[in-house]
Amino acid sequence: MAGVKRIRAKREELFFRRLFSRIRVLECDLKAVEESSNIAVKLAMIGREINALDILIAGIALANGVEKIVTKDKHFTEIEKVADIKVITY
Protein backbone atom coordinates (compact mmCIF):
# COMPACT_ATOMS: atom_id res chain seq x y z
CA MET A 1 0.00 0.00 0.00
CA ALA A 2 3.02 2.26 0.18
CA GLY A 3 2.68 3.19 -3.49
CA VAL A 4 -1.00 3.95 -3.07
CA LYS A 5 -0.31 6.16 -0.05
CA ARG A 6 2.58 7.90 -1.79
CA ILE A 7 0.40 9.05 -4.68
CA ARG A 8 -2.48 9.77 -2.31
CA ALA A 9 -4.92 7.60 -4.23
CA LYS A 10 -7.77 7.50 -1.73
CA ARG A 11 -10.09 5.32 -3.81
CA GLU A 12 -7.41 2.67 -4.34
CA GLU A 13 -6.41 2.80 -0.68
CA LEU A 14 -10.03 2.23 0.35
CA PHE A 15 -10.25 -0.71 -2.07
CA PHE A 16 -7.16 -2.38 -0.58
CA ARG A 17 -8.27 -1.73 3.00
CA ARG A 18 -11.61 -3.43 2.28
CA LEU A 19 -9.95 -6.30 0.44
CA PHE A 20 -7.42 -7.06 3.15
CA SER A 21 -9.99 -6.73 5.93
CA ARG A 22 -11.86 -9.66 4.34
CA ILE A 23 -8.93 -11.93 3.57
CA ARG A 24 -7.58 -14.30 6.19
CA VAL A 25 -3.86 -13.66 6.51
CA LEU A 26 -1.88 -16.73 7.54
CA GLU A 27 0.74 -16.28 10.25
CA CYS A 28 4.44 -16.77 9.84
CA ASP A 29 5.09 -18.50 13.14
CA LEU A 30 7.63 -21.06 14.36
CA LYS A 31 5.74 -23.94 12.76
CA ALA A 32 5.72 -22.11 9.41
CA VAL A 33 9.44 -21.41 9.64
CA GLU A 34 10.14 -25.06 10.46
CA GLU A 35 8.07 -26.18 7.45
CA SER A 36 9.95 -23.70 5.27
CA SER A 37 13.29 -24.97 6.55
CA ASN A 38 12.29 -28.55 5.78
CA ILE A 39 11.36 -27.57 2.24
CA ALA A 40 14.65 -25.70 1.74
CA VAL A 41 16.69 -28.66 2.96
CA LYS A 42 14.82 -31.11 0.73
CA LEU A 43 15.23 -28.83 -2.28
CA ALA A 44 18.96 -28.52 -1.59
CA MET A 45 19.23 -32.31 -1.38
CA ILE A 46 17.87 -32.66 -4.91
CA GLY A 47 19.96 -29.77 -6.19
CA ARG A 48 17.16 -27.24 -6.59
CA GLU A 49 17.56 -23.67 -5.46
CA ILE A 50 14.56 -21.36 -5.57
CA ASN A 51 13.48 -18.05 -4.15
CA ALA A 52 13.40 -18.04 -0.34
CA LEU A 53 10.11 -16.13 -0.35
CA ASP A 54 8.44 -18.88 -2.39
CA ILE A 55 9.70 -21.42 0.13
CA LEU A 56 8.39 -19.28 2.99
CA ILE A 57 4.97 -18.94 1.33
CA ALA A 58 4.76 -22.72 0.94
CA GLY A 59 5.90 -23.26 4.52
CA ILE A 60 3.27 -20.87 5.85
CA ALA A 61 0.63 -22.62 3.75
CA LEU A 62 1.62 -26.08 4.99
CA ALA A 63 1.76 -24.96 8.62
CA ASN A 64 -1.79 -23.67 8.30
CA GLY A 65 -3.22 -26.81 6.71
CA VAL A 66 -3.42 -25.55 3.14
CA GLU A 67 -3.58 -28.45 0.69
CA LYS A 68 -3.28 -26.58 -2.63
CA ILE A 69 -1.53 -23.52 -4.01
CA VAL A 70 -2.77 -21.94 -7.24
CA THR A 71 -0.14 -19.78 -8.90
CA LYS A 72 1.52 -18.61 -12.11
CA ASP A 73 4.93 -19.08 -10.46
CA LYS A 74 6.57 -22.24 -11.83
CA HIS A 75 8.96 -22.41 -8.83
CA PHE A 76 6.16 -23.91 -6.78
CA THR A 77 6.21 -27.03 -8.96
CA GLU A 78 9.70 -27.67 -7.55
CA ILE A 79 8.33 -27.31 -4.02
CA GLU A 80 5.57 -29.77 -4.85
CA LYS A 81 8.27 -32.40 -5.50
CA VAL A 82 9.49 -32.25 -1.88
CA ALA A 83 6.46 -31.11 0.13
CA ASP A 84 2.99 -32.48 0.77
CA ILE A 85 1.17 -29.76 -1.13
CA LYS A 86 -0.57 -29.76 -4.50
CA VAL A 87 0.41 -26.97 -6.89
CA ILE A 88 -1.87 -25.86 -9.68
CA THR A 89 -0.27 -23.55 -12.23
CA TYR A 90 -2.04 -21.51 -14.86
PDB file of N, CA and C in Angstrom:
ATOM      1  N   MET A   1       0.816  -1.195   0.000  1.00  0.00           N
ATOM      2  CA  MET A   1       0.000   0.000   0.000  1.00  0.00           C
ATOM      3  C   MET A   1       0.857   1.255   0.000  1.00  0.00           C
ATOM      4  N   ALA A   2       2.155   1.084   0.131  1.00  0.00           N
ATOM      5  CA  ALA A   2       3.025   2.258   0.179  1.00  0.00           C
ATOM      6  C   ALA A   2       2.885   3.107  -1.076  1.00  0.00           C
ATOM      7  N   GLY A   3       2.830   2.445  -2.238  1.00  0.00           N
ATOM      8  CA  GLY A   3       2.682   3.186  -3.485  1.00  0.00           C
ATOM      9  C   GLY A   3       1.369   3.945  -3.542  1.00  0.00           C
ATOM     10  N   VAL A   4       0.319   3.316  -3.068  1.00  0.00           N
ATOM     11  CA  VAL A   4      -0.996   3.950  -3.066  1.00  0.00           C
ATOM     12  C   VAL A   4      -0.987   5.159  -2.152  1.00  0.00           C
ATOM     13  N   LYS A   5      -0.374   5.034  -0.983  1.00  0.00           N
ATOM     14  CA  LYS A   5      -0.313   6.163  -0.054  1.00  0.00           C
ATOM     15  C   LYS A   5       0.568   7.281  -0.600  1.00  0.00           C
ATOM     16  N   ARG A   6       1.642   6.904  -1.275  1.00  0.00           N
ATOM     17  CA  ARG A   6       2.583   7.898  -1.793  1.00  0.00           C
ATOM     18  C   ARG A   6       1.909   8.801  -2.822  1.00  0.00           C
ATOM     19  N   ILE A   7       1.064   8.228  -3.665  1.00  0.00           N
ATOM     20  CA  ILE A   7       0.402   9.047  -4.680  1.00  0.00           C
ATOM     21  C   ILE A   7      -0.955   9.569  -4.195  1.00  0.00           C
ATOM     22  N   ARG A   8      -1.251   9.283  -2.944  1.00  0.00           N
ATOM     23  CA  ARG A   8      -2.475   9.775  -2.315  1.00  0.00           C
ATOM     24  C   ARG A   8      -3.735   9.380  -3.089  1.00  0.00           C
ATOM     25  N   ALA A   9      -3.779   8.130  -3.488  1.00  0.00           N
ATOM     26  CA  ALA A   9      -4.915   7.604  -4.234  1.00  0.00           C
ATOM     27  C   ALA A   9      -5.931   7.042  -3.250  1.00  0.00           C
ATOM     28  N   LYS A  10      -6.814   7.868  -2.785  1.00  0.00           N
ATOM     29  CA  LYS A  10      -7.767   7.498  -1.726  1.00  0.00           C
ATOM     30  C   LYS A  10      -8.687   6.350  -2.144  1.00  0.00           C
ATOM     31  N   ARG A  11      -9.175   6.362  -3.374  1.00  0.00           N
ATOM     32  CA  ARG A  11     -10.094   5.322  -3.811  1.00  0.00           C
ATOM     33  C   ARG A  11      -9.400   3.954  -3.804  1.00  0.00           C
ATOM     34  N   GLU A  12      -8.163   3.916  -4.313  1.00  0.00           N
ATOM     35  CA  GLU A  12      -7.411   2.670  -4.341  1.00  0.00           C
ATOM     36  C   GLU A  12      -7.062   2.206  -2.935  1.00  0.00           C
ATOM     37  N   GLU A  13      -6.720   3.151  -2.065  1.00  0.00           N
ATOM     38  CA  GLU A  13      -6.413   2.796  -0.679  1.00  0.00           C
ATOM     39  C   GLU A  13      -7.635   2.187  -0.009  1.00  0.00           C
ATOM     40  N   LEU A  14      -8.785   2.760  -0.216  1.00  0.00           N
ATOM     41  CA  LEU A  14     -10.026   2.226   0.353  1.00  0.00           C
ATOM     42  C   LEU A  14     -10.296   0.813  -0.171  1.00  0.00           C
ATOM     43  N   PHE A  15     -10.070   0.610  -1.486  1.00  0.00           N
ATOM     44  CA  PHE A  15     -10.248  -0.713  -2.074  1.00  0.00           C
ATOM     45  C   PHE A  15      -9.371  -1.745  -1.365  1.00  0.00           C
ATOM     46  N   PHE A  16      -8.073  -1.435  -1.206  1.00  0.00           N
ATOM     47  CA  PHE A  16      -7.156  -2.380  -0.583  1.00  0.00           C
ATOM     48  C   PHE A  16      -7.475  -2.588   0.892  1.00  0.00           C
ATOM     49  N   ARG A  17      -7.898  -1.566   1.590  1.00  0.00           N
ATOM     50  CA  ARG A  17      -8.273  -1.730   2.997  1.00  0.00           C
ATOM     51  C   ARG A  17      -9.463  -2.684   3.121  1.00  0.00           C
ATOM     52  N   ARG A  18     -10.447  -2.534   2.259  1.00  0.00           N
ATOM     53  CA  ARG A  18     -11.608  -3.430   2.284  1.00  0.00           C
ATOM     54  C   ARG A  18     -11.202  -4.852   1.913  1.00  0.00           C
ATOM     55  N   LEU A  19     -10.391  -4.976   0.878  1.00  0.00           N
ATOM     56  CA  LEU A  19      -9.946  -6.297   0.437  1.00  0.00           C
ATOM     57  C   LEU A  19      -9.221  -7.037   1.551  1.00  0.00           C
ATOM     58  N   PHE A  20      -8.227  -6.385   2.149  1.00  0.00           N
ATOM     59  CA  PHE A  20      -7.417  -7.058   3.153  1.00  0.00           C
ATOM     60  C   PHE A  20      -8.137  -7.226   4.485  1.00  0.00           C
ATOM     61  N   SER A  21      -9.210  -6.505   4.710  1.00  0.00           N
ATOM     62  CA  SER A  21      -9.987  -6.726   5.927  1.00  0.00           C
ATOM     63  C   SER A  21     -10.845  -7.983   5.802  1.00  0.00           C
ATOM     64  N   ARG A  22     -11.034  -8.472   4.571  1.00  0.00           N
ATOM     65  CA  ARG A  22     -11.865  -9.655   4.335  1.00  0.00           C
ATOM     66  C   ARG A  22     -11.056 -10.922   4.086  1.00  0.00           C
ATOM     67  N   ILE A  23      -9.778 -10.786   3.884  1.00  0.00           N
ATOM     68  CA  ILE A  23      -8.927 -11.927   3.574  1.00  0.00           C
ATOM     69  C   ILE A  23      -8.251 -12.417   4.851  1.00  0.00           C
ATOM     70  N   ARG A  24      -8.270 -13.713   5.048  1.00  0.00           N
ATOM     71  CA  ARG A  24      -7.579 -14.304   6.190  1.00  0.00           C
ATOM     72  C   ARG A  24      -6.086 -14.334   5.873  1.00  0.00           C
ATOM     73  N   VAL A  25      -5.305 -13.693   6.697  1.00  0.00           N
ATOM     74  CA  VAL A  25      -3.860 -13.663   6.508  1.00  0.00           C
ATOM     75  C   VAL A  25      -3.246 -14.735   7.399  1.00  0.00           C
ATOM     76  N   LEU A  26      -2.489 -15.641   6.790  1.00  0.00           N
ATOM     77  CA  LEU A  26      -1.877 -16.734   7.541  1.00  0.00           C
ATOM     78  C   LEU A  26      -0.619 -16.248   8.236  1.00  0.00           C
ATOM     79  N   GLU A  27      -0.405 -16.728   9.448  1.00  0.00           N
ATOM     80  CA  GLU A  27       0.738 -16.281  10.247  1.00  0.00           C
ATOM     81  C   GLU A  27       2.035 -16.968   9.854  1.00  0.00           C
ATOM     82  N   CYS A  28       3.089 -16.210   9.980  1.00  0.00           N
ATOM     83  CA  CYS A  28       4.436 -16.766   9.840  1.00  0.00           C
ATOM     84  C   CYS A  28       4.955 -16.986  11.254  1.00  0.00           C
ATOM     85  N   ASP A  29       4.689 -18.169  11.783  1.00  0.00           N
ATOM     86  CA  ASP A  29       5.087 -18.499  13.143  1.00  0.00           C
ATOM     87  C   ASP A  29       6.193 -19.554  13.117  1.00  0.00           C
ATOM     88  N   LEU A  30       6.548 -20.079  14.278  1.00  0.00           N
ATOM     89  CA  LEU A  30       7.632 -21.057  14.364  1.00  0.00           C
ATOM     90  C   LEU A  30       7.343 -22.297  13.526  1.00  0.00           C
ATOM     91  N   LYS A  31       6.106 -22.767  13.548  1.00  0.00           N
ATOM     92  CA  LYS A  31       5.741 -23.943  12.760  1.00  0.00           C
ATOM     93  C   LYS A  31       5.939 -23.667  11.265  1.00  0.00           C
ATOM     94  N   ALA A  32       5.563 -22.484  10.814  1.00  0.00           N
ATOM     95  CA  ALA A  32       5.722 -22.114   9.406  1.00  0.00           C
ATOM     96  C   ALA A  32       7.196 -22.041   9.027  1.00  0.00           C
ATOM     97  N   VAL A  33       8.012 -21.500   9.908  1.00  0.00           N
ATOM     98  CA  VAL A  33       9.444 -21.408   9.636  1.00  0.00           C
ATOM     99  C   VAL A  33      10.071 -22.799   9.591  1.00  0.00           C
ATOM    100  N   GLU A  34       9.629 -23.685  10.474  1.00  0.00           N
ATOM    101  CA  GLU A  34      10.136 -25.061  10.455  1.00  0.00           C
ATOM    102  C   GLU A  34       9.745 -25.770   9.159  1.00  0.00           C
ATOM    103  N   GLU A  35       8.506 -25.586   8.718  1.00  0.00           N
ATOM    104  CA  GLU A  35       8.069 -26.181   7.448  1.00  0.00           C
ATOM    105  C   GLU A  35       8.901 -25.633   6.291  1.00  0.00           C
ATOM    106  N   SER A  36       9.144 -24.335   6.313  1.00  0.00           N
ATOM    107  CA  SER A  36       9.951 -23.703   5.275  1.00  0.00           C
ATOM    108  C   SER A  36      11.368 -24.253   5.268  1.00  0.00           C
ATOM    109  N   SER A  37      11.932 -24.418   6.440  1.00  0.00           N
ATOM    110  CA  SER A  37      13.287 -24.968   6.548  1.00  0.00           C
ATOM    111  C   SER A  37      13.344 -26.386   5.996  1.00  0.00           C
ATOM    112  N   ASN A  38      12.342 -27.181   6.307  1.00  0.00           N
ATOM    113  CA  ASN A  38      12.286 -28.549   5.779  1.00  0.00           C
ATOM    114  C   ASN A  38      12.242 -28.558   4.257  1.00  0.00           C
ATOM    115  N   ILE A  39      11.449 -27.661   3.693  1.00  0.00           N
ATOM    116  CA  ILE A  39      11.360 -27.566   2.237  1.00  0.00           C
ATOM    117  C   ILE A  39      12.707 -27.164   1.653  1.00  0.00           C
ATOM    118  N   ALA A  40      13.354 -26.176   2.242  1.00  0.00           N
ATOM    119  CA  ALA A  40      14.647 -25.698   1.744  1.00  0.00           C
ATOM    120  C   ALA A  40      15.696 -26.798   1.766  1.00  0.00           C
ATOM    121  N   VAL A  41      15.724 -27.566   2.843  1.00  0.00           N
ATOM    122  CA  VAL A  41      16.689 -28.664   2.961  1.00  0.00           C
ATOM    123  C   VAL A  41      16.425 -29.721   1.893  1.00  0.00           C
ATOM    124  N   LYS A  42      15.163 -30.086   1.728  1.00  0.00           N
ATOM    125  CA  LYS A  42      14.822 -31.108   0.735  1.00  0.00           C
ATOM    126  C   LYS A  42      15.137 -30.638  -0.680  1.00  0.00           C
ATOM    127  N   LEU A  43      14.894 -29.371  -0.967  1.00  0.00           N
ATOM    128  CA  LEU A  43      15.231 -28.831  -2.285  1.00  0.00           C
ATOM    129  C   LEU A  43      16.743 -28.856  -2.509  1.00  0.00           C
ATOM    130  N   ALA A  44      17.492 -28.499  -1.483  1.00  0.00           N
ATOM    131  CA  ALA A  44      18.956 -28.521  -1.590  1.00  0.00           C
ATOM    132  C   ALA A  44      19.458 -29.939  -1.841  1.00  0.00           C
ATOM    133  N   MET A  45      18.815 -30.915  -1.213  1.00  0.00           N
ATOM    134  CA  MET A  45      19.230 -32.313  -1.378  1.00  0.00           C
ATOM    135  C   MET A  45      19.033 -32.813  -2.802  1.00  0.00           C
ATOM    136  N   ILE A  46      18.072 -32.241  -3.519  1.00  0.00           N
ATOM    137  CA  ILE A  46      17.874 -32.659  -4.907  1.00  0.00           C
ATOM    138  C   ILE A  46      18.486 -31.654  -5.890  1.00  0.00           C
ATOM    139  N   GLY A  47      19.253 -30.719  -5.344  1.00  0.00           N
ATOM    140  CA  GLY A  47      19.963 -29.771  -6.193  1.00  0.00           C
ATOM    141  C   GLY A  47      19.124 -28.656  -6.774  1.00  0.00           C
ATOM    142  N   ARG A  48      18.029 -28.321  -6.119  1.00  0.00           N
ATOM    143  CA  ARG A  48      17.157 -27.240  -6.595  1.00  0.00           C
ATOM    144  C   ARG A  48      17.287 -26.045  -5.657  1.00  0.00           C
ATOM    145  N   GLU A  49      17.497 -24.895  -6.231  1.00  0.00           N
ATOM    146  CA  GLU A  49      17.558 -23.668  -5.456  1.00  0.00           C
ATOM    147  C   GLU A  49      16.504 -22.721  -5.994  1.00  0.00           C
ATOM    148  N   ILE A  50      15.582 -22.305  -5.135  1.00  0.00           N
ATOM    149  CA  ILE A  50      14.556 -21.365  -5.575  1.00  0.00           C
ATOM    150  C   ILE A  50      14.439 -20.231  -4.573  1.00  0.00           C
ATOM    151  N   ASN A  51      13.674 -19.247  -4.937  1.00  0.00           N
ATOM    152  CA  ASN A  51      13.476 -18.046  -4.147  1.00  0.00           C
ATOM    153  C   ASN A  51      13.030 -18.380  -2.719  1.00  0.00           C
ATOM    154  N   ALA A  52      13.714 -17.793  -1.752  1.00  0.00           N
ATOM    155  CA  ALA A  52      13.397 -18.037  -0.338  1.00  0.00           C
ATOM    156  C   ALA A  52      11.974 -17.607   0.005  1.00  0.00           C
ATOM    157  N   LEU A  53      11.474 -16.567  -0.638  1.00  0.00           N
ATOM    158  CA  LEU A  53      10.109 -16.128  -0.350  1.00  0.00           C
ATOM    159  C   LEU A  53       9.081 -17.157  -0.815  1.00  0.00           C
ATOM    160  N   ASP A  54       9.345 -17.811  -1.944  1.00  0.00           N
ATOM    161  CA  ASP A  54       8.437 -18.876  -2.394  1.00  0.00           C
ATOM    162  C   ASP A  54       8.429 -20.026  -1.395  1.00  0.00           C
ATOM    163  N   ILE A  55       9.601 -20.365  -0.879  1.00  0.00           N
ATOM    164  CA  ILE A  55       9.700 -21.424   0.130  1.00  0.00           C
ATOM    165  C   ILE A  55       8.943 -21.022   1.392  1.00  0.00           C
ATOM    166  N   LEU A  56       9.078 -19.771   1.793  1.00  0.00           N
ATOM    167  CA  LEU A  56       8.386 -19.284   2.987  1.00  0.00           C
ATOM    168  C   LEU A  56       6.871 -19.307   2.784  1.00  0.00           C
ATOM    169  N   ILE A  57       6.413 -18.902   1.623  1.00  0.00           N
ATOM    170  CA  ILE A  57       4.970 -18.944   1.325  1.00  0.00           C
ATOM    171  C   ILE A  57       4.451 -20.376   1.447  1.00  0.00           C
ATOM    172  N   ALA A  58       5.177 -21.319   0.865  1.00  0.00           N
ATOM    173  CA  ALA A  58       4.762 -22.724   0.939  1.00  0.00           C
ATOM    174  C   ALA A  58       4.793 -23.233   2.376  1.00  0.00           C
ATOM    175  N   GLY A  59       5.807 -22.851   3.127  1.00  0.00           N
ATOM    176  CA  GLY A  59       5.903 -23.262   4.523  1.00  0.00           C
ATOM    177  C   GLY A  59       4.753 -22.726   5.362  1.00  0.00           C
ATOM    178  N   ILE A  60       4.406 -21.481   5.144  1.00  0.00           N
ATOM    179  CA  ILE A  60       3.270 -20.873   5.855  1.00  0.00           C
ATOM    180  C   ILE A  60       1.986 -21.614   5.483  1.00  0.00           C
ATOM    181  N   ALA A  61       1.828 -21.897   4.200  1.00  0.00           N
ATOM    182  CA  ALA A  61       0.633 -22.617   3.748  1.00  0.00           C
ATOM    183  C   ALA A  61       0.537 -23.983   4.415  1.00  0.00           C
ATOM    184  N   LEU A  62       1.625 -24.739   4.382  1.00  0.00           N
ATOM    185  CA  LEU A  62       1.621 -26.075   4.992  1.00  0.00           C
ATOM    186  C   LEU A  62       1.334 -26.021   6.484  1.00  0.00           C
ATOM    187  N   ALA A  63       1.952 -25.080   7.172  1.00  0.00           N
ATOM    188  CA  ALA A  63       1.764 -24.960   8.624  1.00  0.00           C
ATOM    189  C   ALA A  63       0.321 -24.629   8.990  1.00  0.00           C
ATOM    190  N   ASN A  64      -0.401 -24.044   8.050  1.00  0.00           N
ATOM    191  CA  ASN A  64      -1.790 -23.669   8.303  1.00  0.00           C
ATOM    192  C   ASN A  64      -2.792 -24.611   7.655  1.00  0.00           C
ATOM    193  N   GLY A  65      -2.316 -25.788   7.215  1.00  0.00           N
ATOM    194  CA  GLY A  65      -3.219 -26.809   6.709  1.00  0.00           C
ATOM    195  C   GLY A  65      -3.696 -26.620   5.279  1.00  0.00           C
ATOM    196  N   VAL A  66      -3.040 -25.750   4.535  1.00  0.00           N
ATOM    197  CA  VAL A  66      -3.419 -25.547   3.138  1.00  0.00           C
ATOM    198  C   VAL A  66      -2.995 -26.774   2.335  1.00  0.00           C
ATOM    199  N   GLU A  67      -3.864 -27.253   1.481  1.00  0.00           N
ATOM    200  CA  GLU A  67      -3.577 -28.453   0.686  1.00  0.00           C
ATOM    201  C   GLU A  67      -3.162 -28.130  -0.743  1.00  0.00           C
ATOM    202  N   LYS A  68      -3.562 -26.943  -1.245  1.00  0.00           N
ATOM    203  CA  LYS A  68      -3.284 -26.579  -2.632  1.00  0.00           C
ATOM    204  C   LYS A  68      -2.828 -25.127  -2.722  1.00  0.00           C
ATOM    205  N   ILE A  69      -1.932 -24.876  -3.671  1.00  0.00           N
ATOM    206  CA  ILE A  69      -1.530 -23.517  -4.011  1.00  0.00           C
ATOM    207  C   ILE A  69      -1.811 -23.329  -5.494  1.00  0.00           C
ATOM    208  N   VAL A  70      -2.504 -22.276  -5.842  1.00  0.00           N
ATOM    209  CA  VAL A  70      -2.773 -21.944  -7.238  1.00  0.00           C
ATOM    210  C   VAL A  70      -1.934 -20.717  -7.568  1.00  0.00           C
ATOM    211  N   THR A  71      -1.090 -20.843  -8.604  1.00  0.00           N
ATOM    212  CA  THR A  71      -0.143 -19.775  -8.901  1.00  0.00           C
ATOM    213  C   THR A  71       0.313 -19.801 -10.355  1.00  0.00           C
ATOM    214  N   LYS A  72       0.853 -18.685 -10.808  1.00  0.00           N
ATOM    215  CA  LYS A  72       1.519 -18.610 -12.113  1.00  0.00           C
ATOM    216  C   LYS A  72       2.994 -18.978 -11.969  1.00  0.00           C
ATOM    217  N   ASP A  73       3.497 -18.895 -10.750  1.00  0.00           N
ATOM    218  CA  ASP A  73       4.926 -19.080 -10.465  1.00  0.00           C
ATOM    219  C   ASP A  73       5.328 -20.545 -10.585  1.00  0.00           C
ATOM    220  N   LYS A  74       6.141 -20.853 -11.559  1.00  0.00           N
ATOM    221  CA  LYS A  74       6.568 -22.236 -11.826  1.00  0.00           C
ATOM    222  C   LYS A  74       7.487 -22.790 -10.742  1.00  0.00           C
ATOM    223  N   HIS A  75       8.087 -21.930  -9.905  1.00  0.00           N
ATOM    224  CA  HIS A  75       8.961 -22.413  -8.830  1.00  0.00           C
ATOM    225  C   HIS A  75       8.216 -23.338  -7.871  1.00  0.00           C
ATOM    226  N   PHE A  76       6.924 -23.112  -7.728  1.00  0.00           N
ATOM    227  CA  PHE A  76       6.156 -23.913  -6.781  1.00  0.00           C
ATOM    228  C   PHE A  76       6.046 -25.373  -7.221  1.00  0.00           C
ATOM    229  N   THR A  77       6.225 -25.636  -8.508  1.00  0.00           N
ATOM    230  CA  THR A  77       6.213 -27.034  -8.955  1.00  0.00           C
ATOM    231  C   THR A  77       7.429 -27.772  -8.419  1.00  0.00           C
ATOM    232  N   GLU A  78       8.523 -27.063  -8.185  1.00  0.00           N
ATOM    233  CA  GLU A  78       9.699 -27.674  -7.545  1.00  0.00           C
ATOM    234  C   GLU A  78       9.392 -27.983  -6.084  1.00  0.00           C
ATOM    235  N   ILE A  79       8.712 -27.091  -5.422  1.00  0.00           N
ATOM    236  CA  ILE A  79       8.328 -27.309  -4.022  1.00  0.00           C
ATOM    237  C   ILE A  79       7.404 -28.508  -3.907  1.00  0.00           C
ATOM    238  N   GLU A  80       6.510 -28.653  -4.861  1.00  0.00           N
ATOM    239  CA  GLU A  80       5.570 -29.775  -4.846  1.00  0.00           C
ATOM    240  C   GLU A  80       6.298 -31.116  -4.854  1.00  0.00           C
ATOM    241  N   LYS A  81       7.491 -31.161  -5.440  1.00  0.00           N
ATOM    242  CA  LYS A  81       8.267 -32.402  -5.504  1.00  0.00           C
ATOM    243  C   LYS A  81       8.757 -32.852  -4.127  1.00  0.00           C
ATOM    244  N   VAL A  82       8.902 -31.903  -3.189  1.00  0.00           N
ATOM    245  CA  VAL A  82       9.492 -32.248  -1.885  1.00  0.00           C
ATOM    246  C   VAL A  82       8.548 -32.007  -0.708  1.00  0.00           C
ATOM    247  N   ALA A  83       7.384 -31.435  -0.964  1.00  0.00           N
ATOM    248  CA  ALA A  83       6.458 -31.109   0.127  1.00  0.00           C
ATOM    249  C   ALA A  83       5.080 -31.694  -0.162  1.00  0.00           C
ATOM    250  N   ASP A  84       4.324 -31.894   0.878  1.00  0.00           N
ATOM    251  CA  ASP A  84       2.991 -32.479   0.765  1.00  0.00           C
ATOM    252  C   ASP A  84       1.962 -31.390   0.468  1.00  0.00           C
ATOM    253  N   ILE A  85       2.101 -30.800  -0.724  1.00  0.00           N
ATOM    254  CA  ILE A  85       1.172 -29.757  -1.134  1.00  0.00           C
ATOM    255  C   ILE A  85       0.977 -29.864  -2.644  1.00  0.00           C
ATOM    256  N   LYS A  86      -0.245 -29.700  -3.074  1.00  0.00           N
ATOM    257  CA  LYS A  86      -0.573 -29.763  -4.497  1.00  0.00           C
ATOM    258  C   LYS A  86      -0.436 -28.357  -5.078  1.00  0.00           C
ATOM    259  N   VAL A  87       0.234 -28.264  -6.224  1.00  0.00           N
ATOM    260  CA  VAL A  87       0.414 -26.965  -6.886  1.00  0.00           C
ATOM    261  C   VAL A  87      -0.312 -26.995  -8.222  1.00  0.00           C
ATOM    262  N   ILE A  88      -1.153 -26.010  -8.417  1.00  0.00           N
ATOM    263  CA  ILE A  88      -1.870 -25.859  -9.680  1.00  0.00           C
ATOM    264  C   ILE A  88      -1.364 -24.583 -10.332  1.00  0.00           C
ATOM    265  N   THR A  89      -0.762 -24.732 -11.522  1.00  0.00           N
ATOM    266  CA  THR A  89      -0.267 -23.553 -12.231  1.00  0.00           C
ATOM    267  C   THR A  89      -1.186 -23.220 -13.394  1.00  0.00           C
ATOM    268  N   TYR A  90      -1.211 -21.971 -13.729  1.00  0.00           N
ATOM    269  CA  TYR A  90      -2.036 -21.515 -14.859  1.00  0.00           C
ATOM    270  C   TYR A  90      -1.256 -20.580 -15.738  1.00  0.00           C
TER     271      TYR A  90
END
